[in-house]
Amino acid sequence: MLRQIPHPLGELPVWQGVRPVPADHYAILDGSRVRVARWWRPPEPVLSRTEGAARLCRALEEAVSTRTRSSDVVYADLSGGFDSTPQAYFAARGPARLLVGTAYNNDPGGGEDLIWARRALRTIDVAHHSVFSTDEMPQFYDGLLEMDAQLDDPSDTFRAGPRMRYMMQQAKELGARVYLTGLGGDELLFGHPRAEHTLFRRRPLLALRRLRAYQLLERLPARATFVKLFDRRGYRQWLVDNLERIGERDEKTKPTLSLDWDAPLSWPRWYTADIRAAIVERIRKVCEDVEPLGPDLASHGEISMIRHGARSTRGGEQLGAELGLAFQAPISDDRVAEAVLSVRREERAEPKAFKPLMREAMRGRLPDEFLTRSRKNSGTTQATRGIERYKEDLLALCGQSPLAGLGIIDLRLLAEHAFPQGPGAINRDLDTTLNGAVFARNQSGVRERITP
């Protein structure tokens, strides 16, 4: 029920009596006995950008090939970004017929993806390029009343599910058996300011210059930005301290650069006292013996982000399985992650550069003109319209879900605070609540159509 789930809560099953196998371990069945063993460790970040880019290129090519070489027709998203486009490039080099699709809309900047996709296609041999307007798809927040999937956990796949299903269905009708998505690329390739906290211990002047760039780009106060460099608390103490200060997030407050172990804990105003007490109790128990995912903020944060992104990929896999379609995210492959994490952090990402490691990896393969892309637009405008249009449906969904029946949410406060007014005004805690509402409704067997 939290927007940002601190480690290890995001990997604990929602089912009672089920013990999780850690993400970097595997289970061994020995007669009636089960034990777990570790199979993966993150590499040391010692490679230069040039060395790492070559390794990334090889790893991504193999990851794509592994997922496509046994299929006769493959469909790939082609948003013109640095995640989907390299995957399409390598898929085109395989034996399967490659179909790609690019969406556009009439919002400001809504046609940029199509412009960049067409530039990339100069070096990508595809059998068919589908171009379609997002108006042809379910809109943001549309279709949640009918969303009947039973997924592993209440990930954001529920909110995005109607749009994902639409895209998969189109791919299947074109004859595809495999669907390639770029999910996970942002979590893997974007740099995060918390890396400067770790770099500051080794190269303080470089860390200060890089952090200054982040601060200026985000127009944030200098003192609040730099003081966190001197915070030496361990993960357990940080989590305990956050638990003491957990409260309501003020969406109007100017955000600061996070140089913490994770995002500050918070809950929305519409959670009742009972669920707040349950959250505190659960996290307090975890604090007794919790250990970070790495020895410092940077290593912990990057693994946490990768695992967070994988939740939506897992949900997409389950949606695809319903349609008989293999939903695949090669960029989330473990060997691809190893290639990226093996690069020194100060060369892996830069405050002013757009995924520079992937840009270097694809140099000489994708057109130079394409590799100059320096940003990607978000779907905030479309999401704002969707919230306004489907507000009554969303209130009905929450009101008739187990979240209301169990006293987890206060519907009056939800209606008052979850739907902010104004351009670009989105309360992301609403997404978390909606995902939880659909998950709980579907798992409890309440699948009758809800009407406002």
Protein backbone atom coordinates (compact mmCIF):
# COMPACT_ATOMS: atom_id res chain seq x y z
CA MET A 1 0.00 0.00 0.00
CA LEU A 2 3.05 2.29 -0.13
CA ARG A 3 4.11 4.10 -3.28
CA GLN A 4 7.75 3.20 -2.69
CA ILE A 5 8.21 -0.14 -0.96
CA PRO A 6 11.47 -0.33 1.02
CA HIS A 7 13.61 -3.44 0.80
CA PRO A 8 12.84 -6.24 1.58
CA LEU A 9 9.08 -5.64 1.75
CA GLY A 10 8.69 -5.51 -2.02
CA GLU A 11 9.83 -9.12 -2.32
CA LEU A 12 7.78 -10.61 0.49
CA PRO A 13 4.75 -12.61 -0.75
CA VAL A 14 1.31 -11.24 0.00
CA TRP A 15 0.26 -14.80 0.83
CA GLN A 16 0.48 -16.12 4.39
CA GLY A 17 2.55 -19.26 4.88
CA VAL A 18 4.73 -18.66 1.81
CA ARG A 19 8.45 -18.12 2.28
CA PRO A 20 10.17 -16.09 -0.44
CA VAL A 21 13.25 -17.16 -2.35
CA PRO A 22 15.48 -14.05 -2.57
CA ALA A 23 15.85 -12.67 -6.07
CA ASP A 24 19.54 -13.59 -6.27
CA HIS A 25 19.04 -17.12 -4.88
CA TYR A 26 17.48 -20.35 -6.11
CA ALA A 27 15.65 -23.13 -4.27
CA ILE A 28 17.08 -26.64 -4.02
CA LEU A 29 14.71 -29.52 -3.26
CA ASP A 30 16.53 -32.36 -1.49
CA GLY A 31 13.98 -35.02 -0.63
CA SER A 32 11.58 -33.36 1.79
CA ARG A 33 14.05 -30.60 2.57
CA VAL A 34 14.27 -27.24 0.81
CA ARG A 35 17.25 -24.93 0.99
CA VAL A 36 18.30 -21.86 -0.96
CA ALA A 37 21.66 -20.97 -2.47
CA ARG A 38 22.95 -17.76 -3.97
CA TRP A 39 23.54 -17.71 -7.72
CA TRP A 40 24.08 -14.02 -8.54
CA ARG A 41 26.23 -11.21 -7.22
CA PRO A 42 26.59 -7.73 -8.71
CA PRO A 43 29.94 -7.11 -10.41
CA GLU A 44 32.42 -4.54 -9.22
CA PRO A 45 32.05 -1.27 -11.19
CA VAL A 46 35.56 -1.14 -12.65
CA LEU A 47 35.14 -0.86 -16.44
CA SER A 48 35.42 2.31 -18.49
CA ARG A 49 32.44 3.47 -20.52
CA THR A 50 34.03 2.19 -23.71
CA GLU A 51 34.72 -1.25 -22.24
CA GLY A 52 31.29 -1.42 -20.62
CA ALA A 53 29.50 -0.34 -23.79
CA ALA A 54 31.08 -3.21 -25.72
CA ARG A 55 30.03 -5.65 -23.01
CA LEU A 56 26.51 -4.19 -22.93
CA CYS A 57 26.21 -4.53 -26.70
CA ARG A 58 27.18 -8.21 -26.61
CA ALA A 59 24.91 -8.96 -23.65
CA LEU A 60 21.87 -7.24 -25.15
CA GLU A 61 22.35 -8.92 -28.51
CA GLU A 62 22.48 -12.33 -26.84
CA ALA A 63 19.49 -11.51 -24.60
CA VAL A 64 17.39 -10.56 -27.62
CA SER A 65 18.53 -13.58 -29.62
CA THR A 66 17.69 -15.95 -26.77
CA ARG A 67 14.12 -14.68 -26.78
CA THR A 68 13.53 -14.47 -30.52
CA ARG A 69 15.51 -17.14 -32.37
CA SER A 70 12.84 -19.84 -31.92
CA SER A 71 9.97 -17.67 -33.18
CA ASP A 72 8.92 -17.02 -36.76
CA VAL A 73 7.31 -13.61 -36.05
CA VAL A 74 8.39 -11.13 -33.37
CA TYR A 75 6.72 -7.84 -32.43
CA ALA A 76 8.73 -5.07 -30.76
CA ASP A 77 7.74 -1.72 -29.29
CA LEU A 78 9.62 1.04 -31.10
CA SER A 79 9.24 4.27 -29.15
CA GLY A 80 12.39 5.79 -30.57
CA GLY A 81 14.05 5.62 -27.16
CA PHE A 82 17.30 4.04 -26.03
CA ASP A 83 15.62 0.93 -24.60
CA SER A 84 13.20 -0.35 -27.25
CA THR A 85 15.23 0.77 -30.28
CA PRO A 86 18.44 -1.20 -29.58
CA GLN A 87 16.32 -4.28 -28.91
CA ALA A 88 14.57 -3.86 -32.25
CA TYR A 89 17.95 -3.45 -33.95
CA PHE A 90 19.20 -6.77 -32.62
CA ALA A 91 15.87 -8.54 -33.23
CA ALA A 92 16.09 -7.49 -36.90
CA ARG A 93 19.39 -9.34 -37.17
CA GLY A 94 17.77 -12.65 -36.22
CA PRO A 95 15.84 -15.15 -38.35
CA ALA A 96 12.34 -14.03 -37.31
CA ARG A 97 10.19 -11.54 -39.23
CA LEU A 98 10.24 -8.36 -37.18
CA LEU A 99 7.14 -6.22 -36.74
CA VAL A 100 7.44 -2.93 -34.85
CA GLY A 101 4.89 -0.43 -33.59
CA THR A 102 5.09 3.26 -32.70
CA ALA A 103 2.39 5.35 -31.04
CA TYR A 104 1.87 9.10 -31.33
CA ASN A 105 -0.66 11.68 -30.11
CA ASN A 106 -1.58 15.31 -30.66
CA ASP A 107 -0.29 16.59 -27.32
CA PRO A 108 2.72 18.92 -27.36
CA GLY A 109 5.69 16.68 -28.16
CA GLY A 110 3.37 13.74 -28.78
CA GLY A 111 4.87 13.07 -32.21
CA GLU A 112 8.51 13.01 -31.14
CA ASP A 113 8.65 9.24 -30.67
CA LEU A 114 7.53 8.70 -34.25
CA ILE A 115 10.16 11.13 -35.59
CA TRP A 116 12.96 9.35 -33.74
CA ALA A 117 11.65 5.87 -34.57
CA ARG A 118 11.71 6.67 -38.28
CA ARG A 119 15.27 7.91 -37.98
CA ALA A 120 16.31 4.66 -36.32
CA LEU A 121 14.59 2.56 -38.99
CA ARG A 122 17.25 3.61 -41.50
CA THR A 123 19.44 0.85 -40.04
CA ILE A 124 16.73 -1.56 -38.82
CA ASP A 125 15.28 -3.98 -41.36
CA VAL A 126 11.65 -4.60 -40.38
CA ALA A 127 8.87 -6.49 -42.15
CA HIS A 128 6.20 -4.05 -41.03
CA HIS A 129 6.00 -0.77 -39.07
CA SER A 130 2.64 -0.06 -37.44
CA VAL A 131 1.93 3.61 -36.71
CA PHE A 132 -1.11 4.42 -34.59
CA SER A 133 -2.56 7.15 -32.43
CA THR A 134 -2.87 6.64 -28.68
CA ASP A 135 -6.50 7.69 -29.17
CA GLU A 136 -7.06 4.23 -30.64
CA MET A 137 -5.98 2.62 -27.37
CA PRO A 138 -7.69 2.50 -23.98
CA GLN A 139 -7.01 5.81 -22.29
CA PHE A 140 -5.13 6.16 -19.03
CA TYR A 141 -7.29 4.80 -16.16
CA ASP A 142 -9.79 3.36 -18.64
CA GLY A 143 -10.77 -0.30 -18.35
CA LEU A 144 -9.90 -0.86 -14.68
CA LEU A 145 -13.48 -1.84 -13.89
CA GLU A 146 -13.13 -4.79 -16.30
CA MET A 147 -9.50 -5.62 -15.46
CA ASP A 148 -9.84 -9.23 -14.27
CA ALA A 149 -6.22 -10.47 -14.27
CA GLN A 150 -4.94 -12.31 -11.20
CA LEU A 151 -1.32 -11.24 -10.91
CA ASP A 152 1.33 -12.08 -8.34
CA ASP A 153 1.12 -8.75 -6.56
CA PRO A 154 -0.51 -5.30 -6.86
CA SER A 155 2.09 -3.87 -9.22
CA ASP A 156 1.48 -1.00 -11.64
CA THR A 157 0.65 -3.59 -14.29
CA PHE A 158 -2.98 -3.30 -13.19
CA ARG A 159 -3.19 0.42 -13.99
CA ALA A 160 -1.36 -0.04 -17.29
CA GLY A 161 -2.98 -3.41 -18.01
CA PRO A 162 -5.77 -2.36 -20.41
CA ARG A 163 -3.26 -0.51 -22.62
CA MET A 164 -0.76 -3.37 -22.44
CA ARG A 165 -3.43 -5.90 -23.35
CA TYR A 166 -4.49 -3.80 -26.32
CA MET A 167 -0.92 -3.66 -27.64
CA MET A 168 -0.38 -7.38 -27.13
CA GLN A 169 -3.64 -8.22 -28.86
CA GLN A 170 -2.63 -6.13 -31.87
CA ALA A 171 0.72 -7.93 -32.01
CA LYS A 172 -0.93 -11.35 -31.79
CA GLU A 173 -3.37 -10.51 -34.59
CA LEU A 174 -0.36 -9.68 -36.76
CA GLY A 175 0.95 -13.20 -36.15
CA ALA A 176 3.57 -12.47 -33.47
CA ARG A 177 4.46 -15.09 -30.90
CA VAL A 178 6.97 -12.95 -29.00
CA TYR A 179 6.48 -9.36 -27.80
CA LEU A 180 9.56 -7.31 -26.91
CA THR A 181 9.21 -4.45 -24.45
CA GLY A 182 11.71 -1.91 -23.14
CA LEU A 183 10.41 -2.13 -19.56
CA GLY A 184 13.25 -1.98 -17.06
CA GLY A 185 15.52 0.19 -19.19
CA ASP A 186 14.92 3.39 -17.24
CA GLU A 187 15.66 1.71 -13.91
CA LEU A 188 18.86 0.20 -15.32
CA LEU A 189 20.30 3.02 -17.43
CA PHE A 190 19.28 6.29 -15.79
CA GLY A 191 21.73 7.59 -13.23
CA HIS A 192 20.55 8.52 -9.74
CA PRO A 193 21.93 11.29 -7.53
CA ARG A 194 22.42 8.87 -4.63
CA ALA A 195 25.41 7.51 -6.56
CA GLU A 196 27.17 10.79 -5.74
CA HIS A 197 26.91 9.96 -2.02
CA THR A 198 29.09 6.90 -2.63
CA LEU A 199 31.37 8.67 -5.13
CA PHE A 200 31.93 11.45 -2.57
CA ARG A 201 33.90 9.02 -0.37
CA ARG A 202 36.32 8.26 -3.21
CA ARG A 203 36.37 11.34 -5.45
CA PRO A 204 34.80 14.21 -3.49
CA LEU A 205 35.44 17.03 -5.97
CA LEU A 206 33.95 15.09 -8.86
CA ALA A 207 30.94 14.15 -6.76
CA LEU A 208 30.39 17.78 -5.79
CA ARG A 209 30.52 18.93 -9.42
CA ARG A 210 28.08 16.26 -10.53
CA LEU A 211 25.72 16.93 -7.65
CA ARG A 212 25.87 20.64 -8.41
CA ALA A 213 24.71 19.85 -11.95
CA TYR A 214 21.76 17.85 -10.62
CA GLN A 215 20.89 20.66 -8.22
CA LEU A 216 20.93 23.33 -10.94
CA LEU A 217 18.97 21.22 -13.41
CA GLU A 218 16.22 20.63 -10.83
CA ARG A 219 16.45 24.21 -9.45
CA LEU A 220 16.73 23.00 -5.87
CA PRO A 221 18.18 24.75 -2.82
CA ALA A 222 21.89 24.08 -2.42
CA ARG A 223 22.01 23.45 1.32
CA ALA A 224 19.25 20.82 1.31
CA THR A 225 21.00 19.12 -1.59
CA PHE A 226 24.56 18.95 -0.29
CA VAL A 227 24.01 18.32 3.42
CA LYS A 228 22.95 14.71 2.75
CA LEU A 229 26.47 13.92 1.54
CA PHE A 230 27.55 13.81 5.18
CA ASP A 231 24.82 11.40 6.34
CA ARG A 232 26.59 8.17 7.30
CA ARG A 233 23.66 6.20 8.74
CA GLY A 234 23.37 2.55 7.77
CA TYR A 235 20.28 1.20 6.07
CA ARG A 236 18.71 -0.21 9.21
CA GLN A 237 19.06 3.04 11.14
CA TRP A 238 17.77 5.05 8.18
CA LEU A 239 14.69 2.82 7.98
CA VAL A 240 14.06 3.10 11.73
CA ASP A 241 14.39 6.89 11.60
CA ASN A 242 12.00 7.07 8.64
CA LEU A 243 9.49 4.94 10.47
CA GLU A 244 9.45 7.50 13.28
CA ARG A 245 8.70 10.29 10.79
CA ILE A 246 6.35 8.49 8.43
CA GLY A 247 3.39 10.66 7.52
CA GLU A 248 1.38 12.17 4.72
CA ARG A 249 3.16 13.28 1.58
CA ASP A 250 2.51 16.87 0.53
CA GLU A 251 2.22 16.74 -3.25
CA LYS A 252 2.67 20.52 -3.45
CA THR A 253 6.06 20.48 -1.70
CA LYS A 254 9.04 20.99 -3.99
CA PRO A 255 10.93 17.69 -4.12
CA THR A 256 14.58 17.41 -3.18
CA LEU A 257 17.30 15.22 -4.64
CA SER A 258 17.25 11.92 -2.80
CA LEU A 259 20.64 11.00 -1.37
CA ASP A 260 18.99 8.56 1.00
CA TRP A 261 18.89 4.78 0.92
CA ASP A 262 15.39 4.95 -0.57
CA ALA A 263 12.47 7.33 -0.97
CA PRO A 264 11.11 8.67 2.35
CA LEU A 265 8.25 6.60 3.73
CA SER A 266 4.82 8.18 3.45
CA TRP A 267 1.16 7.32 3.03
CA PRO A 268 -1.77 9.15 1.48
CA ARG A 269 -4.34 11.03 3.54
CA TRP A 270 -7.09 8.51 2.80
CA TYR A 271 -5.50 5.58 4.65
CA THR A 272 -7.27 4.80 7.90
CA ALA A 273 -5.62 4.56 11.31
CA ASP A 274 -5.82 0.76 11.26
CA ILE A 275 -3.86 0.35 8.02
CA ARG A 276 -1.31 2.94 9.13
CA ALA A 277 -0.73 1.00 12.33
CA ALA A 278 -0.40 -2.24 10.34
CA ILE A 279 2.18 -0.66 8.02
CA VAL A 280 4.23 0.61 10.95
CA GLU A 281 4.09 -2.76 12.68
CA ARG A 282 5.19 -4.60 9.55
CA ILE A 283 8.13 -2.30 8.86
CA ARG A 284 9.18 -2.26 12.51
CA LYS A 285 9.42 -6.05 12.45
CA VAL A 286 11.52 -5.93 9.28
CA CYS A 287 13.87 -3.42 10.92
CA GLU A 288 14.94 -6.00 13.48
CA ASP A 289 17.31 -7.80 11.12
CA VAL A 290 17.20 -5.99 7.77
CA GLU A 291 20.35 -5.72 5.67
CA PRO A 292 20.87 -3.54 2.58
CA LEU A 293 21.27 -4.93 -0.93
CA GLY A 294 24.81 -3.58 -1.09
CA PRO A 295 27.49 -2.05 1.14
CA ASP A 296 26.67 1.57 0.21
CA LEU A 297 23.83 3.78 -1.01
CA ALA A 298 24.74 3.49 -4.68
CA SER A 299 24.94 -0.32 -4.84
CA HIS A 300 21.81 -0.75 -2.72
CA GLY A 301 19.86 1.79 -4.74
CA GLU A 302 20.70 0.44 -8.18
CA ILE A 303 19.71 -3.15 -7.28
CA SER A 304 16.54 -1.89 -5.62
CA MET A 305 15.58 0.08 -8.72
CA ILE A 306 16.19 -2.88 -11.04
CA ARG A 307 14.02 -5.14 -8.92
CA HIS A 308 11.31 -2.49 -8.70
CA GLY A 309 11.19 -2.24 -12.49
CA ALA A 310 11.02 -6.01 -12.83
CA ARG A 311 7.68 -6.12 -11.02
CA SER A 312 5.88 -4.57 -13.99
CA THR A 313 7.75 -6.86 -16.37
CA ARG A 314 6.55 -9.86 -14.39
CA GLY A 315 2.98 -8.59 -14.54
CA GLY A 316 3.29 -8.12 -18.30
CA GLU A 317 4.52 -11.70 -18.65
CA GLN A 318 1.38 -12.92 -16.91
CA LEU A 319 -0.89 -10.78 -19.10
CA GLY A 320 0.87 -12.07 -22.20
CA ALA A 321 0.50 -15.68 -21.07
CA GLU A 322 -3.28 -15.21 -21.02
CA LEU A 323 -3.10 -14.39 -24.74
CA GLY A 324 -0.59 -17.09 -25.59
CA LEU A 325 2.08 -14.45 -26.20
CA ALA A 326 5.59 -14.40 -24.74
CA PHE A 327 6.01 -10.93 -23.23
CA GLN A 328 9.78 -10.38 -22.94
CA ALA A 329 12.07 -7.62 -21.63
CA PRO A 330 15.60 -8.44 -22.84
CA ILE A 331 16.99 -5.24 -21.31
CA SER A 332 16.08 -6.67 -17.89
CA ASP A 333 18.17 -9.78 -18.52
CA ASP A 334 20.64 -10.57 -15.73
CA ARG A 335 23.64 -10.50 -18.08
CA VAL A 336 22.57 -7.10 -19.42
CA ALA A 337 22.30 -5.80 -15.87
CA GLU A 338 25.77 -7.16 -15.11
CA ALA A 339 27.21 -5.36 -18.13
CA VAL A 340 25.75 -2.04 -17.00
CA LEU A 341 26.67 -2.45 -13.33
CA SER A 342 30.27 -3.35 -14.25
CA VAL A 343 30.88 0.22 -15.47
CA ARG A 344 32.22 2.88 -13.14
CA ARG A 345 29.24 4.92 -11.96
CA GLU A 346 30.72 8.25 -12.95
CA GLU A 347 31.05 6.95 -16.53
CA ARG A 348 27.83 4.93 -16.58
CA ALA A 349 25.55 7.97 -16.26
CA GLU A 350 25.82 11.76 -16.24
CA PRO A 351 23.51 14.49 -14.93
CA LYS A 352 23.22 16.17 -18.34
CA ALA A 353 23.36 13.11 -20.61
CA PHE A 354 20.54 10.81 -21.76
CA LYS A 355 21.57 7.19 -21.12
CA PRO A 356 25.15 7.71 -22.34
CA LEU A 357 26.19 4.08 -21.86
CA MET A 358 23.58 2.78 -24.28
CA ARG A 359 24.37 5.61 -26.69
CA GLU A 360 27.99 4.45 -26.73
CA ALA A 361 26.99 0.80 -27.08
CA MET A 362 24.93 1.51 -30.21
CA ARG A 363 27.39 3.89 -31.85
CA GLY A 364 28.08 2.71 -35.41
CA ARG A 365 24.95 0.56 -35.40
CA LEU A 366 22.09 3.03 -35.10
CA PRO A 367 22.28 6.27 -37.15
CA ASP A 368 24.37 9.07 -35.65
CA GLU A 369 21.41 11.41 -36.08
CA PHE A 370 19.28 9.10 -33.94
CA LEU A 371 21.90 8.90 -31.21
CA THR A 372 21.60 12.65 -30.59
CA ARG A 373 18.24 12.18 -28.84
CA SER A 374 18.44 13.74 -25.39
CA ARG A 375 15.04 13.23 -23.78
CA LYS A 376 11.79 11.26 -23.74
CA ASN A 377 8.34 12.70 -23.07
CA SER A 378 6.14 11.27 -20.33
CA GLY A 379 2.45 10.46 -20.44
CA THR A 380 1.54 12.98 -17.74
CA THR A 381 -0.82 14.96 -19.96
CA GLN A 382 -2.73 11.87 -21.00
CA ALA A 383 -2.83 10.63 -17.41
CA THR A 384 -4.28 13.94 -16.21
CA ARG A 385 -7.06 13.71 -18.77
CA GLY A 386 -7.76 10.12 -17.79
CA ILE A 387 -8.09 10.94 -14.10
CA GLU A 388 -10.55 13.72 -14.87
CA ARG A 389 -12.58 11.61 -17.28
CA TYR A 390 -12.80 8.42 -15.22
CA LYS A 391 -12.97 9.89 -11.71
CA GLU A 392 -16.40 8.45 -10.94
CA ASP A 393 -15.36 4.99 -12.19
CA LEU A 394 -12.23 5.07 -10.04
CA LEU A 395 -14.19 6.12 -6.96
CA ALA A 396 -16.67 3.30 -7.59
CA LEU A 397 -13.82 0.83 -8.04
CA CYS A 398 -12.27 1.77 -4.70
CA GLY A 399 -15.60 2.00 -2.91
CA GLN A 400 -16.68 -1.49 -3.92
CA SER A 401 -13.28 -3.10 -3.44
CA PRO A 402 -12.10 -4.96 -0.32
CA LEU A 403 -9.99 -1.89 0.53
CA ALA A 404 -13.14 -0.08 1.59
CA GLY A 405 -14.83 -3.14 3.04
CA LEU A 406 -11.86 -3.90 5.26
CA GLY A 407 -11.54 -0.31 6.45
CA ILE A 408 -8.22 0.34 4.70
CA ILE A 409 -9.25 3.52 2.91
CA ASP A 410 -11.53 6.43 3.83
CA LEU A 411 -13.64 7.09 0.75
CA ARG A 412 -14.49 10.65 1.74
CA LEU A 413 -10.82 11.59 2.06
CA LEU A 414 -10.01 9.69 -1.14
CA ALA A 415 -12.54 11.74 -3.09
CA GLU A 416 -11.25 14.95 -1.52
CA HIS A 417 -7.49 14.49 -1.95
CA ALA A 418 -6.78 11.89 -4.67
CA PHE A 419 -7.96 14.00 -7.60
CA PRO A 420 -5.99 17.28 -7.66
CA GLN A 421 -7.03 20.01 -10.05
CA GLY A 422 -4.90 21.69 -12.69
CA PRO A 423 -2.65 20.77 -15.65
CA GLY A 424 -0.24 17.98 -14.82
CA ALA A 425 -1.75 17.55 -11.37
CA ILE A 426 -1.48 13.85 -10.49
CA ASN A 427 -1.35 12.26 -7.06
CA ARG A 428 0.68 9.10 -7.67
CA ASP A 429 -0.56 7.61 -4.39
CA LEU A 430 -3.85 7.13 -6.23
CA ASP A 431 -2.11 4.70 -8.60
CA THR A 432 -0.92 2.58 -5.68
CA THR A 433 -4.42 2.54 -4.21
CA LEU A 434 -6.01 1.58 -7.54
CA ASN A 435 -3.52 -1.24 -8.08
CA GLY A 436 -4.28 -2.54 -4.59
CA ALA A 437 -8.03 -2.24 -5.13
CA VAL A 438 -8.02 -4.23 -8.39
CA PHE A 439 -5.63 -6.84 -6.98
CA ALA A 440 -7.72 -7.37 -3.83
CA ARG A 441 -10.98 -7.42 -5.80
CA ASN A 442 -9.72 -10.00 -8.29
CA GLN A 443 -8.14 -12.27 -5.72
CA SER A 444 -11.25 -12.25 -3.53
CA GLY A 445 -13.35 -13.41 -6.47
CA VAL A 446 -15.38 -10.21 -6.73
CA ARG A 447 -15.29 -9.76 -10.49
CA GLU A 448 -18.80 -8.54 -11.27
CA ARG A 449 -18.82 -5.34 -13.27
CA ILE A 450 -18.71 -2.34 -10.97
CA THR A 451 -20.86 0.61 -11.95
CA PRO A 452 -20.58 4.13 -10.53
